[in-house]
Amino acid sequence: MRLVQQRVAQERVEQVIFLLKQDLAEPPSLEELGRKIGCSHFYLSRIFSAETGQTITQYLRRLRMEKAAQLLRSGEYNVTEAALEVGYASPSHFSQAFPEA
């Protein structure tokens, strides 16, 4: 029984990651994620942290920074464009978040 619960938790975490990657600029809220996945957002937060070692917000920040770094390396985006592409409204907010990732 425990293995089934672990597998369900892993699948839910994988679904969260998939949904976050779909739209880094405007990701679903925690409540929306819970609705889409079919569990409470409190439970979802708990299993996500247990599975990944990060909160959903921390994981989203990391995904955004990885994508922004990729965009900047491509040479097709400047810092402002990369920031907007991954959901930061201002370059200064992006610059503050970048070193934390």
C-alpha atoms as a PDB file:
ATOM      1  CA  MET A   1       0.000   0.000   0.000  1.00  0.00           C
ATOM      2  CA  ARG A   2       2.833   2.406   0.864  1.00  0.00           C
ATOM      3  CA  LEU A   3       4.404   1.915  -2.574  1.00  0.00           C
ATOM      4  CA  VAL A   4       1.138   2.880  -4.240  1.00  0.00           C
ATOM      5  CA  GLN A   5       0.972   6.083  -2.186  1.00  0.00           C
ATOM      6  CA  GLN A   6       4.584   6.920  -3.057  1.00  0.00           C
ATOM      7  CA  ARG A   7       3.932   6.360  -6.760  1.00  0.00           C
ATOM      8  CA  VAL A   8       0.821   8.563  -6.667  1.00  0.00           C
ATOM      9  CA  ALA A   9       2.819  11.293  -4.894  1.00  0.00           C
ATOM     10  CA  GLN A  10       5.605  11.038  -7.490  1.00  0.00           C
ATOM     11  CA  GLU A  11       3.094  11.263 -10.337  1.00  0.00           C
ATOM     12  CA  ARG A  12       1.506  14.331  -8.799  1.00  0.00           C
ATOM     13  CA  VAL A  13       4.898  16.014  -8.424  1.00  0.00           C
ATOM     14  CA  GLU A  14       5.690  15.185 -12.051  1.00  0.00           C
ATOM     15  CA  GLN A  15       2.357  16.733 -13.070  1.00  0.00           C
ATOM     16  CA  VAL A  16       3.173  19.917 -11.123  1.00  0.00           C
ATOM     17  CA  ILE A  17       6.551  20.195 -12.847  1.00  0.00           C
ATOM     18  CA  PHE A  18       4.919  19.646 -16.248  1.00  0.00           C
ATOM     19  CA  LEU A  19       2.299  22.336 -15.553  1.00  0.00           C
ATOM     20  CA  LEU A  20       4.911  24.819 -14.309  1.00  0.00           C
ATOM     21  CA  LYS A  21       7.033  24.309 -17.424  1.00  0.00           C
ATOM     22  CA  GLN A  22       4.032  24.955 -19.684  1.00  0.00           C
ATOM     23  CA  ASP A  23       3.922  28.653 -18.853  1.00  0.00           C
ATOM     24  CA  LEU A  24       6.825  30.003 -16.809  1.00  0.00           C
ATOM     25  CA  ALA A  25       5.634  33.572 -17.311  1.00  0.00           C
ATOM     26  CA  GLU A  26       2.163  32.931 -15.882  1.00  0.00           C
ATOM     27  CA  PRO A  27       2.213  29.663 -13.944  1.00  0.00           C
ATOM     28  CA  PRO A  28      -0.920  28.383 -12.233  1.00  0.00           C
ATOM     29  CA  SER A  29      -1.400  29.319  -8.591  1.00  0.00           C
ATOM     30  CA  LEU A  30      -0.955  26.704  -5.902  1.00  0.00           C
ATOM     31  CA  GLU A  31      -4.733  26.443  -5.591  1.00  0.00           C
ATOM     32  CA  GLU A  32      -5.082  25.955  -9.365  1.00  0.00           C
ATOM     33  CA  LEU A  33      -2.392  23.272  -9.320  1.00  0.00           C
ATOM     34  CA  GLY A  34      -4.254  21.439  -6.578  1.00  0.00           C
ATOM     35  CA  ARG A  35      -7.511  21.603  -8.545  1.00  0.00           C
ATOM     36  CA  LYS A  36      -5.871  20.422 -11.766  1.00  0.00           C
ATOM     37  CA  ILE A  37      -4.109  17.538 -10.053  1.00  0.00           C
ATOM     38  CA  GLY A  38      -7.014  16.587  -7.839  1.00  0.00           C
ATOM     39  CA  CYS A  39      -5.772  17.138  -4.317  1.00  0.00           C
ATOM     40  CA  SER A  40      -5.598  19.919  -1.757  1.00  0.00           C
ATOM     41  CA  HIS A  41      -2.915  22.512  -2.280  1.00  0.00           C
ATOM     42  CA  PHE A  42      -1.707  21.908   1.294  1.00  0.00           C
ATOM     43  CA  TYR A  43      -1.109  18.223   0.556  1.00  0.00           C
ATOM     44  CA  LEU A  44       0.427  19.083  -2.807  1.00  0.00           C
ATOM     45  CA  SER A  45       2.896  21.484  -1.171  1.00  0.00           C
ATOM     46  CA  ARG A  46       3.873  18.875   1.377  1.00  0.00           C
ATOM     47  CA  ILE A  47       4.480  16.050  -1.093  1.00  0.00           C
ATOM     48  CA  PHE A  48       6.283  18.364  -3.532  1.00  0.00           C
ATOM     49  CA  SER A  49       8.724  19.467  -0.848  1.00  0.00           C
ATOM     50  CA  ALA A  50       9.209  15.882   0.324  1.00  0.00           C
ATOM     51  CA  GLU A  51       9.923  14.659  -3.222  1.00  0.00           C
ATOM     52  CA  THR A  52      12.108  17.532  -4.472  1.00  0.00           C
ATOM     53  CA  GLY A  53      13.576  19.108  -1.351  1.00  0.00           C
ATOM     54  CA  GLN A  54      12.229  22.473  -2.532  1.00  0.00           C
ATOM     55  CA  THR A  55       8.975  24.352  -2.248  1.00  0.00           C
ATOM     56  CA  ILE A  56       6.966  24.816  -5.424  1.00  0.00           C
ATOM     57  CA  THR A  57       7.961  28.502  -5.437  1.00  0.00           C
ATOM     58  CA  GLN A  58      11.662  27.672  -5.111  1.00  0.00           C
ATOM     59  CA  TYR A  59      11.380  25.100  -7.879  1.00  0.00           C
ATOM     60  CA  LEU A  60       9.566  27.577 -10.136  1.00  0.00           C
ATOM     61  CA  ARG A  61      12.298  30.177  -9.540  1.00  0.00           C
ATOM     62  CA  ARG A  62      14.938  27.613 -10.516  1.00  0.00           C
ATOM     63  CA  LEU A  63      13.044  26.667 -13.690  1.00  0.00           C
ATOM     64  CA  ARG A  64      12.726  30.346 -14.601  1.00  0.00           C
ATOM     65  CA  MET A  65      16.435  31.003 -14.032  1.00  0.00           C
ATOM     66  CA  GLU A  66      17.453  27.953 -16.048  1.00  0.00           C
ATOM     67  CA  LYS A  67      15.230  29.062 -18.932  1.00  0.00           C
ATOM     68  CA  ALA A  68      16.478  32.668 -18.706  1.00  0.00           C
ATOM     69  CA  ALA A  69      20.103  31.498 -18.745  1.00  0.00           C
ATOM     70  CA  GLN A  70      19.341  29.395 -21.812  1.00  0.00           C
ATOM     71  CA  LEU A  71      17.730  32.384 -23.554  1.00  0.00           C
ATOM     72  CA  LEU A  72      20.662  34.641 -22.704  1.00  0.00           C
ATOM     73  CA  ARG A  73      23.199  32.068 -23.911  1.00  0.00           C
ATOM     74  CA  SER A  74      21.345  31.833 -27.228  1.00  0.00           C
ATOM     75  CA  GLY A  75      22.213  35.478 -27.881  1.00  0.00           C
ATOM     76  CA  GLU A  76      18.687  36.112 -29.155  1.00  0.00           C
ATOM     77  CA  TYR A  77      17.468  37.786 -25.959  1.00  0.00           C
ATOM     78  CA  ASN A  78      18.828  40.624 -23.879  1.00  0.00           C
ATOM     79  CA  VAL A  79      18.396  40.619 -20.097  1.00  0.00           C
ATOM     80  CA  THR A  80      15.104  42.546 -20.171  1.00  0.00           C
ATOM     81  CA  GLU A  81      13.615  40.273 -22.833  1.00  0.00           C
ATOM     82  CA  ALA A  82      14.732  37.120 -21.012  1.00  0.00           C
ATOM     83  CA  ALA A  83      13.273  38.446 -17.749  1.00  0.00           C
ATOM     84  CA  LEU A  84       9.905  39.151 -19.371  1.00  0.00           C
ATOM     85  CA  GLU A  85       9.897  35.792 -21.157  1.00  0.00           C
ATOM     86  CA  VAL A  86      10.152  33.878 -17.870  1.00  0.00           C
ATOM     87  CA  GLY A  87       7.682  35.993 -15.924  1.00  0.00           C
ATOM     88  CA  TYR A  88       9.606  38.815 -14.261  1.00  0.00           C
ATOM     89  CA  ALA A  89       7.913  42.166 -14.794  1.00  0.00           C
ATOM     90  CA  SER A  90      11.050  44.193 -14.154  1.00  0.00           C
ATOM     91  CA  PRO A  91      14.719  43.601 -14.891  1.00  0.00           C
ATOM     92  CA  SER A  92      15.611  44.729 -11.357  1.00  0.00           C
ATOM     93  CA  HIS A  93      13.418  42.029  -9.784  1.00  0.00           C
ATOM     94  CA  PHE A  94      14.932  39.509 -12.181  1.00  0.00           C
ATOM     95  CA  SER A  95      18.460  40.651 -11.295  1.00  0.00           C
ATOM     96  CA  GLN A  96      17.704  40.181  -7.605  1.00  0.00           C
ATOM     97  CA  ALA A  97      16.310  36.677  -8.173  1.00  0.00           C
ATOM     98  CA  PHE A  98      19.071  35.520 -10.524  1.00  0.00           C
ATOM     99  CA  PRO A  99      21.892  35.258  -7.945  1.00  0.00           C
ATOM    100  CA  GLU A 100      19.562  33.400  -5.532  1.00  0.00           C
ATOM    101  CA  ALA A 101      18.915  30.593  -8.001  1.00  0.00           C
END
